[in-house]
Amino acid sequence: MTLDSRQESVIDEWGPEKILQVYDPDTGMKGVLVIDNTSTGPGKGGIRFADTVTPTEIFRLARTMTWKCAAAGLPFGGAKGGIVANPNEVNRVSWMKSFAKMIRPYCPKQYIAATDIGTTELDMAVFAHEIGDMRACTGKPAELGGIPHELGTTGYGVASALEAAVEILEELKPLDISSKKQIRVSIQGFGNVGSFTAKFLDSSGIKVVAVSDASGFIHNKDGLNVPRLMKDMKGKISFSDLKGYDVCNKEEIFEVDSDIFIPAAIGDVITDKTVSKLLDHNIKMVVEAANLPTVPSACEYLHKAGVWIIPDFIANAGGVIGSFIEYQGRTEKEAFELIKYKIVKAVRNILTEAVVRQESPRALATEMSKQVVYRAMLLRKGAINVAREAFERRDKISV
């Protein structure tokens, strides 16, 4: 495995500091670890376990974590791990042990793991025991002092970001939504993030009218019964296993009349092709629950069309904020409280500035994160006076 033709855009002044590719001939395990930037603290990022994992994908996710931790004001840098296999088709325990063993020299001083696509709290238990240090990862089972992502910390943050964005934009620039109960939301992806986002939105009185997963699409223009759907999905792998539901083609999720679209699955799903479908169906806002779900050209197109985008590294930061609370040994209650506080504050600051400057929230949020990381890089070099000047010159925006 090597970095692809975009390598020249991969290595820049921000990182990555390390790209480690590993292989275990005994198990067949292939993996990659990218430690992007540790100026603000040890690299934080989940381990993705999927047969589609590539080094370039892991780098892109690690860079997103760099900006995410900086935007949230956390003492972490950016990193990401990946294991190249379908976890349901290999011995996941032996593969996770093997991956942990090979990257052990970097954990937890330079890399702190967590769950991601294909990994769970049980994988984190295996990882931590193999490393020999409970600080090597977060998202562990509660029995190990963890705050599992299965509690829905990321989804809670996405729901908080959506509600804050609607409230703030109604104050600053009308969204043509008469009331909270009138909002219609469609969600692509019904895994941990998508399902909990739906749950928290539904419990706050917001209609979720459509959801999809890898197998299909479920729609009800009057609002889905989210608690019932989540109950019916217990023990099921996908919507195709459900009985009593009209499951249609998953691509129809882009063709639902709704106000807000939430991509909560994999990256690069809002493309030049799908963006026109969203606009044709009156989307007013995109809240990025997945990492890197919108390709740059589609992001620009949405911005020009007046669609607000709450960027991934702001909207889905609930998971890493919860991880920070676990890392400190604090409680689940404190995790949810801090998630809401930090995400609402970040969304308010970014959207307020975006309205004033008439710039895209992603561009502003990225610039804000860069300022944080740049100053930390200067401080690490010992350039105290230069760092002080940079801090004084920076735009007066704080997340």
Protein backbone atom coordinates (compact mmCIF):
# COMPACT_ATOMS: atom_id res chain seq x y z
CA MET A 1 0.00 0.00 0.00
CA THR A 2 1.28 3.44 -0.91
CA LEU A 3 -0.05 6.95 -1.06
CA ASP A 4 -1.81 7.62 -4.35
CA SER A 5 -1.25 10.29 -7.00
CA ARG A 6 -2.51 12.99 -4.60
CA GLN A 7 0.70 12.59 -2.55
CA GLU A 8 1.81 16.12 -3.29
CA SER A 9 -1.31 17.39 -1.47
CA VAL A 10 -0.77 14.92 1.38
CA ILE A 11 2.60 16.13 2.66
CA ASP A 12 2.56 19.80 3.59
CA GLU A 13 3.58 22.19 6.36
CA TRP A 14 1.02 20.66 8.75
CA GLY A 15 2.12 17.04 8.42
CA PRO A 16 1.86 14.12 8.49
CA GLU A 17 4.58 13.48 11.02
CA LYS A 18 4.50 9.69 10.54
CA ILE A 19 2.97 7.21 8.12
CA LEU A 20 3.39 3.64 9.33
CA GLN A 21 2.29 0.67 7.20
CA VAL A 22 2.36 -2.72 8.90
CA TYR A 23 1.91 -6.35 7.89
CA ASP A 24 1.78 -9.51 9.99
CA PRO A 25 2.53 -12.65 7.95
CA ASP A 26 1.15 -14.88 10.73
CA THR A 27 -2.38 -13.44 10.65
CA GLY A 28 -2.32 -11.72 7.26
CA MET A 29 -3.13 -8.41 8.98
CA LYS A 30 -2.41 -5.28 6.95
CA GLY A 31 -2.74 -1.91 8.60
CA VAL A 32 -1.77 1.73 8.47
CA LEU A 33 -1.28 4.42 11.10
CA VAL A 34 -1.03 8.11 10.21
CA ILE A 35 0.07 10.53 12.93
CA ASP A 36 -0.64 13.87 11.30
CA ASN A 37 0.21 16.59 13.82
CA THR A 38 0.96 16.38 17.54
CA SER A 39 1.67 20.04 18.27
CA THR A 40 -1.46 20.36 20.40
CA GLY A 41 -1.11 16.93 22.02
CA PRO A 42 -0.93 13.21 21.20
CA GLY A 43 -2.63 12.29 17.93
CA LYS A 44 -6.26 11.28 18.47
CA GLY A 45 -8.32 9.26 16.04
CA GLY A 46 -10.24 6.03 15.63
CA ILE A 47 -9.25 2.75 14.04
CA ARG A 48 -11.20 2.04 10.86
CA PHE A 49 -11.63 -1.68 10.10
CA ALA A 50 -12.77 -2.13 6.50
CA ASP A 51 -11.61 -3.78 3.30
CA THR A 52 -11.70 -0.38 1.56
CA VAL A 53 -9.06 1.23 3.83
CA THR A 54 -6.18 2.94 2.02
CA PRO A 55 -3.26 5.02 3.33
CA THR A 56 -4.59 8.12 1.58
CA GLU A 57 -8.01 7.70 3.15
CA ILE A 58 -6.44 7.32 6.59
CA PHE A 59 -4.33 10.43 6.01
CA ARG A 60 -7.39 12.48 5.04
CA LEU A 61 -9.17 11.31 8.19
CA ALA A 62 -6.09 12.06 10.33
CA ARG A 63 -5.96 15.60 8.95
CA THR A 64 -9.65 16.03 9.74
CA MET A 65 -8.85 14.99 13.32
CA THR A 66 -6.11 17.64 13.48
CA TRP A 67 -8.65 20.36 12.66
CA LYS A 68 -11.38 18.76 14.79
CA CYS A 69 -9.36 18.65 18.00
CA ALA A 70 -8.07 22.18 17.43
CA ALA A 71 -11.58 23.51 16.77
CA ALA A 72 -12.90 21.84 19.92
CA GLY A 73 -10.06 23.24 22.01
CA LEU A 74 -8.86 19.79 23.09
CA PRO A 75 -5.28 18.89 24.08
CA PHE A 76 -5.04 16.35 21.26
CA GLY A 77 -3.51 16.36 17.80
CA GLY A 78 -4.72 14.46 14.75
CA ALA A 79 -4.15 10.83 13.83
CA LYS A 80 -5.99 7.81 12.43
CA GLY A 81 -5.54 4.06 12.23
CA GLY A 82 -6.80 1.57 9.68
CA ILE A 83 -6.95 -2.21 9.29
CA VAL A 84 -7.52 -3.50 5.75
CA ALA A 85 -10.19 -6.22 5.93
CA ASN A 86 -13.86 -6.84 6.49
CA PRO A 87 -13.93 -7.47 10.27
CA ASN A 88 -16.68 -10.04 9.81
CA GLU A 89 -14.53 -12.13 7.49
CA VAL A 90 -11.35 -12.40 9.59
CA ASN A 91 -10.47 -13.22 13.18
CA ARG A 92 -10.97 -9.66 14.38
CA VAL A 93 -9.47 -10.27 17.81
CA SER A 94 -6.19 -11.63 16.47
CA TRP A 95 -6.03 -8.91 13.83
CA MET A 96 -6.64 -6.16 16.40
CA LYS A 97 -4.01 -7.67 18.71
CA SER A 98 -1.55 -7.81 15.83
CA PHE A 99 -2.21 -4.19 14.84
CA ALA A 100 -1.82 -3.06 18.45
CA LYS A 101 1.43 -4.97 18.86
CA MET A 102 2.95 -3.36 15.77
CA ILE A 103 2.06 0.22 16.68
CA ARG A 104 2.69 -0.19 20.43
CA PRO A 105 5.83 2.07 20.43
CA TYR A 106 3.62 5.04 19.54
CA CYS A 107 0.80 4.46 22.05
CA PRO A 108 -0.27 6.44 24.00
CA LYS A 109 2.47 9.06 23.82
CA GLN A 110 1.93 9.86 20.14
CA TYR A 111 -1.32 8.07 19.28
CA ILE A 112 -4.52 7.44 21.24
CA ALA A 113 -7.02 5.22 19.44
CA ALA A 114 -10.83 5.04 19.48
CA THR A 115 -13.64 3.33 17.60
CA ASP A 116 -14.54 4.08 14.00
CA ILE A 117 -16.28 2.25 11.17
CA GLY A 118 -15.95 -1.48 11.82
CA THR A 119 -14.76 -1.23 15.44
CA THR A 120 -16.59 -1.30 18.77
CA GLU A 121 -15.93 -0.91 22.48
CA LEU A 122 -14.91 -4.58 22.59
CA ASP A 123 -12.18 -3.94 20.01
CA MET A 124 -10.94 -1.10 22.20
CA ALA A 125 -10.76 -3.48 25.17
CA VAL A 126 -8.61 -5.85 23.09
CA PHE A 127 -6.44 -2.97 21.87
CA ALA A 128 -5.86 -1.49 25.34
CA HIS A 129 -4.97 -4.87 26.89
CA GLU A 130 -2.54 -5.66 24.07
CA ILE A 131 -0.84 -2.27 24.40
CA GLY A 132 -0.78 -2.75 28.18
CA ASP A 133 -2.06 0.73 28.95
CA MET A 134 -5.70 1.80 29.38
CA ARG A 135 -4.72 5.29 28.19
CA ALA A 136 -3.92 3.87 24.74
CA CYS A 137 -7.51 4.29 23.57
CA THR A 138 -10.90 5.72 24.42
CA GLY A 139 -14.37 4.37 23.72
CA LYS A 140 -13.60 1.41 25.99
CA PRO A 141 -16.31 -0.54 27.84
CA ALA A 142 -17.57 1.08 31.03
CA GLU A 143 -16.04 -1.81 33.01
CA LEU A 144 -12.61 -0.53 31.93
CA GLY A 145 -13.39 3.04 32.87
CA GLY A 146 -14.54 3.93 29.38
CA ILE A 147 -17.32 6.02 27.88
CA PRO A 148 -18.37 3.83 24.94
CA HIS A 149 -19.27 5.56 21.68
CA GLU A 150 -22.24 3.17 21.70
CA LEU A 151 -23.84 5.65 24.11
CA GLY A 152 -24.31 7.94 21.13
CA THR A 153 -21.90 10.76 21.94
CA THR A 154 -21.23 11.57 18.28
CA GLY A 155 -24.91 11.49 17.34
CA TYR A 156 -25.75 13.70 20.30
CA GLY A 157 -23.21 16.23 19.08
CA VAL A 158 -24.64 16.17 15.54
CA ALA A 159 -28.17 16.73 16.86
CA SER A 160 -26.88 19.58 19.05
CA ALA A 161 -25.11 21.14 16.06
CA LEU A 162 -28.27 20.97 13.94
CA GLU A 163 -30.50 22.53 16.58
CA ALA A 164 -27.95 25.27 17.31
CA ALA A 165 -27.50 26.05 13.61
CA VAL A 166 -31.26 26.39 13.02
CA GLU A 167 -31.66 28.65 16.05
CA ILE A 168 -28.69 30.83 15.17
CA LEU A 169 -29.56 31.21 11.49
CA GLU A 170 -33.16 32.04 12.33
CA GLU A 171 -31.76 34.92 14.39
CA LEU A 172 -29.35 36.10 11.70
CA LYS A 173 -30.77 35.04 8.35
CA PRO A 174 -34.19 33.34 7.94
CA LEU A 175 -34.22 29.71 6.80
CA ASP A 176 -37.91 29.69 5.83
CA ILE A 177 -38.65 27.19 8.59
CA SER A 178 -41.67 28.36 10.57
CA SER A 179 -41.01 26.29 13.69
CA LYS A 180 -38.88 23.52 15.11
CA LYS A 181 -41.73 21.05 14.59
CA GLN A 182 -41.82 21.91 10.88
CA ILE A 183 -38.22 20.83 10.25
CA ARG A 184 -37.87 17.71 8.10
CA VAL A 185 -34.59 15.81 8.24
CA SER A 186 -33.23 13.00 6.07
CA ILE A 187 -30.26 10.93 7.24
CA GLN A 188 -27.96 8.86 5.05
CA GLY A 189 -26.52 6.09 7.23
CA PHE A 190 -28.13 4.34 10.20
CA GLY A 191 -25.13 3.00 12.05
CA ASN A 192 -24.01 4.29 15.42
CA VAL A 193 -23.86 7.94 14.35
CA GLY A 194 -26.94 8.07 12.12
CA SER A 195 -29.23 6.12 14.43
CA PHE A 196 -28.35 8.12 17.53
CA THR A 197 -28.63 11.38 15.59
CA ALA A 198 -32.14 10.30 14.60
CA LYS A 199 -32.94 9.33 18.19
CA PHE A 200 -31.84 12.64 19.70
CA LEU A 201 -33.54 14.72 16.99
CA ASP A 202 -36.78 12.76 17.38
CA SER A 203 -36.74 13.18 21.15
CA SER A 204 -36.42 16.95 20.70
CA GLY A 205 -39.47 17.09 18.42
CA ILE A 206 -37.75 17.28 15.04
CA LYS A 207 -39.17 15.05 12.28
CA VAL A 208 -36.87 12.49 10.71
CA VAL A 209 -38.65 11.70 7.43
CA ALA A 210 -36.10 9.40 5.76
CA VAL A 211 -33.14 7.19 6.63
CA SER A 212 -30.96 4.85 4.61
CA ASP A 213 -28.25 2.28 5.13
CA ALA A 214 -26.10 0.21 2.77
CA SER A 215 -29.07 -2.00 1.86
CA GLY A 216 -31.92 0.42 1.37
CA PHE A 217 -34.05 3.45 2.18
CA ILE A 218 -37.08 4.00 4.43
CA HIS A 219 -39.32 7.06 4.10
CA ASN A 220 -42.40 8.58 5.72
CA LYS A 221 -43.25 12.18 4.82
CA ASP A 222 -45.09 12.58 8.14
CA GLY A 223 -42.06 11.44 10.16
CA LEU A 224 -40.65 8.02 10.97
CA ASN A 225 -41.28 6.28 14.27
CA VAL A 226 -37.60 6.40 15.22
CA PRO A 227 -37.84 4.58 18.60
CA ARG A 228 -39.72 1.72 16.94
CA LEU A 229 -37.23 1.54 14.06
CA MET A 230 -34.27 1.43 16.46
CA LYS A 231 -36.00 -1.30 18.47
CA ASP A 232 -36.75 -3.30 15.33
CA MET A 233 -33.11 -2.98 14.21
CA LYS A 234 -31.81 -4.67 17.37
CA GLY A 235 -29.86 -7.72 16.28
CA LYS A 236 -30.34 -6.87 12.59
CA ILE A 237 -27.47 -6.13 10.22
CA SER A 238 -29.36 -3.93 7.74
CA PHE A 239 -32.75 -2.61 6.70
CA SER A 240 -33.08 -5.53 4.28
CA ASP A 241 -33.57 -7.79 7.33
CA LEU A 242 -36.59 -5.82 8.54
CA LYS A 243 -40.19 -6.97 8.20
CA GLY A 244 -43.14 -4.60 7.96
CA TYR A 245 -41.20 -1.78 6.25
CA ASP A 246 -41.20 -0.64 2.64
CA VAL A 247 -37.46 -0.66 1.92
CA CYS A 248 -36.54 1.04 -1.36
CA ASN A 249 -33.33 1.79 -3.28
CA LYS A 250 -30.77 3.45 -0.99
CA GLU A 251 -29.96 6.13 -3.60
CA GLU A 252 -33.43 7.61 -3.13
CA ILE A 253 -32.20 9.22 0.09
CA PHE A 254 -30.90 12.08 -2.09
CA GLU A 255 -34.38 12.65 -3.55
CA VAL A 256 -36.42 13.34 -0.43
CA ASP A 257 -38.18 16.65 0.11
CA SER A 258 -36.62 17.77 3.37
CA ASP A 259 -35.04 20.83 4.92
CA ILE A 260 -31.85 19.31 6.28
CA PHE A 261 -29.72 16.48 4.91
CA ILE A 262 -27.34 14.60 7.22
CA PRO A 263 -24.69 12.38 5.60
CA ALA A 264 -23.79 9.95 8.40
CA ALA A 265 -22.10 7.07 6.61
CA ILE A 266 -18.92 7.11 4.51
CA GLY A 267 -17.01 9.92 2.81
CA ASP A 268 -17.40 11.50 -0.62
CA VAL A 269 -21.15 10.88 -1.00
CA ILE A 270 -22.24 14.43 -1.86
CA THR A 271 -20.76 14.71 -5.32
CA ASP A 272 -21.36 16.77 -8.45
CA LYS A 273 -24.03 14.19 -9.32
CA THR A 274 -25.87 13.93 -6.01
CA VAL A 275 -25.68 17.63 -5.11
CA SER A 276 -28.13 18.55 -7.87
CA LYS A 277 -30.64 16.02 -6.48
CA LEU A 278 -30.42 17.62 -3.04
CA LEU A 279 -30.99 21.08 -4.47
CA ASP A 280 -33.93 19.85 -6.53
CA HIS A 281 -35.57 18.72 -3.29
CA ASN A 282 -35.28 22.01 -1.38
CA ILE A 283 -32.41 21.21 1.00
CA LYS A 284 -31.54 24.30 3.03
CA MET A 285 -28.76 22.87 5.22
CA VAL A 286 -26.28 19.98 5.29
CA VAL A 287 -24.98 18.81 8.67
CA GLU A 288 -21.93 16.61 8.11
CA ALA A 289 -22.12 13.73 10.58
CA ALA A 290 -19.72 11.59 8.50
CA ASN A 291 -16.11 12.55 7.93
CA LEU A 292 -15.39 14.20 4.57
CA PRO A 293 -18.84 13.45 3.07
CA THR A 294 -18.85 16.36 0.60
CA VAL A 295 -16.36 16.67 -2.25
CA PRO A 296 -14.89 20.20 -2.60
CA SER A 297 -16.66 21.04 -5.86
CA ALA A 298 -20.05 20.05 -4.42
CA CYS A 299 -19.31 22.03 -1.26
CA GLU A 300 -18.66 25.13 -3.35
CA TYR A 301 -21.81 24.51 -5.39
CA LEU A 302 -23.96 24.23 -2.26
CA HIS A 303 -22.44 27.39 -0.79
CA LYS A 304 -23.17 29.37 -3.96
CA ALA A 305 -26.73 28.03 -3.93
CA GLY A 306 -27.23 29.38 -0.41
CA VAL A 307 -27.21 26.02 1.36
CA TRP A 308 -25.54 26.12 4.78
CA ILE A 309 -23.02 23.38 5.53
CA ILE A 310 -22.04 22.60 9.12
CA PRO A 311 -18.60 21.02 8.56
CA ASP A 312 -17.79 17.52 9.75
CA PHE A 313 -15.04 18.46 12.16
CA ILE A 314 -17.46 20.77 13.98
CA ALA A 315 -20.69 18.77 13.77
CA ASN A 316 -19.33 15.31 14.61
CA ALA A 317 -16.87 16.36 17.31
CA GLY A 318 -19.07 14.84 20.03
CA GLY A 319 -17.16 11.58 19.88
CA VAL A 320 -13.74 13.09 20.48
CA ILE A 321 -15.08 15.47 23.13
CA GLY A 322 -16.52 12.46 24.94
CA SER A 323 -13.16 10.75 24.50
CA PHE A 324 -11.46 13.68 26.20
CA ILE A 325 -13.76 13.30 29.22
CA GLU A 326 -12.98 9.56 29.34
CA TYR A 327 -9.25 10.32 29.06
CA GLN A 328 -9.59 12.53 32.14
CA GLY A 329 -11.45 9.81 34.05
CA ARG A 330 -14.68 11.81 34.32
CA THR A 331 -18.31 10.74 33.91
CA GLU A 332 -20.80 10.11 31.09
CA LYS A 333 -22.95 12.99 32.35
CA GLU A 334 -20.00 15.37 32.13
CA ALA A 335 -19.28 14.10 28.61
CA PHE A 336 -22.74 14.95 27.31
CA GLU A 337 -22.71 18.33 29.05
CA LEU A 338 -19.35 19.30 27.54
CA ILE A 339 -20.35 18.03 24.08
CA LYS A 340 -23.38 20.31 23.98
CA TYR A 341 -21.48 23.30 25.36
CA LYS A 342 -18.52 23.07 22.99
CA ILE A 343 -20.47 22.25 19.83
CA VAL A 344 -23.14 24.90 20.33
CA LYS A 345 -20.43 27.47 21.04
CA ALA A 346 -18.43 26.49 17.94
CA VAL A 347 -21.48 26.50 15.66
CA ARG A 348 -22.57 29.92 16.95
CA ASN A 349 -19.13 31.47 16.45
CA ILE A 350 -18.65 30.02 12.98
CA LEU A 351 -22.11 30.84 11.61
CA THR A 352 -22.11 34.33 13.07
CA GLU A 353 -18.80 35.04 11.37
CA ALA A 354 -19.91 33.34 8.14
CA VAL A 355 -22.96 35.60 7.91
CA VAL A 356 -20.88 38.72 8.55
CA ARG A 357 -18.12 37.78 6.11
CA GLN A 358 -20.38 36.00 3.62
CA GLU A 359 -17.93 33.12 3.52
CA SER A 360 -18.48 29.39 3.83
CA PRO A 361 -18.50 27.91 7.34
CA ARG A 362 -15.98 25.25 6.29
CA ALA A 363 -13.44 27.79 5.07
CA LEU A 364 -13.77 29.82 8.25
CA ALA A 365 -13.67 26.79 10.55
CA THR A 366 -10.57 25.45 8.79
CA GLU A 367 -8.80 28.79 9.11
CA MET A 368 -9.63 28.96 12.80
CA SER A 369 -8.23 25.49 13.40
CA LYS A 370 -5.09 26.32 11.43
CA GLN A 371 -4.49 29.32 13.66
CA VAL A 372 -4.64 27.13 16.77
CA VAL A 373 -2.30 24.50 15.33
CA TYR A 374 0.12 27.05 13.88
CA ARG A 375 0.58 28.76 17.22
CA ALA A 376 1.10 25.38 18.92
CA MET A 377 3.73 24.49 16.32
CA LEU A 378 5.57 27.74 17.01
CA LEU A 379 5.44 27.15 20.75
CA ARG A 380 6.83 23.65 20.30
CA LYS A 381 9.76 25.14 18.41
CA GLY A 382 10.35 27.56 21.24
CA ALA A 383 9.48 30.56 19.12
CA ILE A 384 7.68 32.25 21.99
CA ASN A 385 7.82 35.82 20.69
CA VAL A 386 6.74 34.83 17.19
CA ALA A 387 3.89 32.76 18.63
CA ARG A 388 2.78 35.69 20.78
CA GLU A 389 2.73 37.98 17.73
CA ALA A 390 0.80 35.38 15.74
CA PHE A 391 -1.72 35.07 18.53
CA GLU A 392 -2.19 38.84 18.74
CA ARG A 393 -2.61 39.16 14.96
CA ARG A 394 -5.07 36.33 14.56
CA ASP A 395 -8.72 37.05 13.80
CA LYS A 396 -10.77 37.44 16.95
CA ILE A 397 -12.70 34.22 16.53
CA SER A 398 -12.61 31.58 19.22
CA VAL A 399 -14.11 28.12 19.32
